[in-house]
Amino acid sequence: TNLVTIALSQRGFLRMLNFQGFWRRESKQDGVFKMSLSPGGTLLAVIHFSGQLTLWELPSLRQQKEWKQDVQDGYDAINPEWAKSVEKRKKIKDKSSFYPLCDVNWWADNAVILARCSGALTVSSVRTLKNLLGQSCEWFEPSPQVSAAHDGSFMSLECEVKVAYKRHRLEANSFDDDEGEEDSDSDEESSAKARYFSYVKQGLYYLTEMERFAPPRKRPRTITKTYRLVSLRSTTPEELYQRKIDNEEYGEALALAQAYDLDSDLVYQRQWRKSSVNIASIQDYLSKIRKRSWVLHECVERVPENVDAARELLQYGLKGTDLEALIAIGKREDGGRFILPGDVDIDEIPYEGYVSPVEEMQMRKEKEAARRWELLQLVDFSMLTLEQKELCRCRLKLLTYLNRLATYEEILGGPHAAERG
């Protein structure tokens, strides 16, 4: 009986231990290493060791919001510039170490400044944690520190670390690498032998302490740390848009133009001005600009780099000065846009193509001629507006230049000879 009682008591004790262990595992708390008080003093932002971000009401200290690391917007983003650096690519192998938050501060009572170990910096809403800076974050060196915002700006402190190795060690290693390449057929066997002999040498060195068995010394290196204090200031979409264009960040500028309904012509105008005039730049940049006066000025004034590009530029300008544009200007339906044939249907006259290839059938040419005659009946040349007259002057100038270009080609012996010349 005593043995049974002792056995039952031991079982009960073990069950109690197991239950207590399970309870302790479930109630494991997440530590806190960073807190920041909002400007109004009503909210407290807290970063936990797990990467979780929580918001607490003050003075009641009641939790209001929480975002675990894997639900935070852009937590797994990695700096695209790291792909260009060999050293940084080695560090990227352990991506998870760059995901957690490293610092937090306040932009306003409704927005927090978040910095991550990867160097990503965002200004996020306290309601949704969405990045208020746009689709992409600002990139700094890993683990930047941020200050609270003041007068529409805040400071960020970053540290850039560069490691430089001494040259003679590198040369020796490169010599060893060359020897290894010669015996590339037995890489696995040689690496196994190398590990075996290194273990033997280590054992002999610990036993004899002879220099000949000493392990190779580590390569001497120089570590340079550069600290930068960067100021980030709030700006209007228009100012940021112009700054992106000035910095030749055209993709981001177009994204801003689309997001804030800005004039995208400024991007294509800058790209057109910075590129040489050829068929590709006409198709990629000039054809996307909508302002008629600007496009026609470029078609008349810019000098292309070859005969084919000159012909393409003049013909593109002629398309924008055709009857469709003249009629749309008279009806004030153009809005200052550069109108190409087929962009508008006038008086229910369908567009069937303006430039007819040589090999097209005679019937198609007759239809095109009939359509142009119908359009001419809609124009009263005795009552043209100033804009219509200016369009006709520009068309006359383009036709003059095109005629001169054809004459120049004939003098040189034809289009092919002119292109070679």
Foldseek 3Di string as FASTA:
>chain_A
DVVVVVVVVVVVVVVVVVVVVVVCVVPDDWAWDAWEAAPVRQWIWTATPQQKIWIAGPPVRHTDDIDGLVRAPPLQDAPPCLVVDPVSVVVCVPSVQFRHWQEKYEAHPQWIWTATQRQFIFIAGPVRNDGPVPDGTDGDHGRWYWDYDDPQKIKIKGKDKDKFFDDVVVVVVVVVVVVCVVVVVPNVVVVVVVVVVLVVLVVVCVVPVDPVSDDDDDTDMDMDMDMDMDMDGDDDLVVVLVVCLVVVVLVVSVVSCVVVVHQNLVNLVSVLVVDAQAPVNCVPRLVPHWQLVVLLVCLQPPDHPALRSNLVSLVLLLQQLDLVNLLCVVVVNRVRTRDGQQPDQDPNDHGDDADDDPPDDPVVVVVNVVSSVVSVVSDDVVDGDPVSVVSVVSNVSSVVVNVVSQVVQVVLPHDVSRRVD
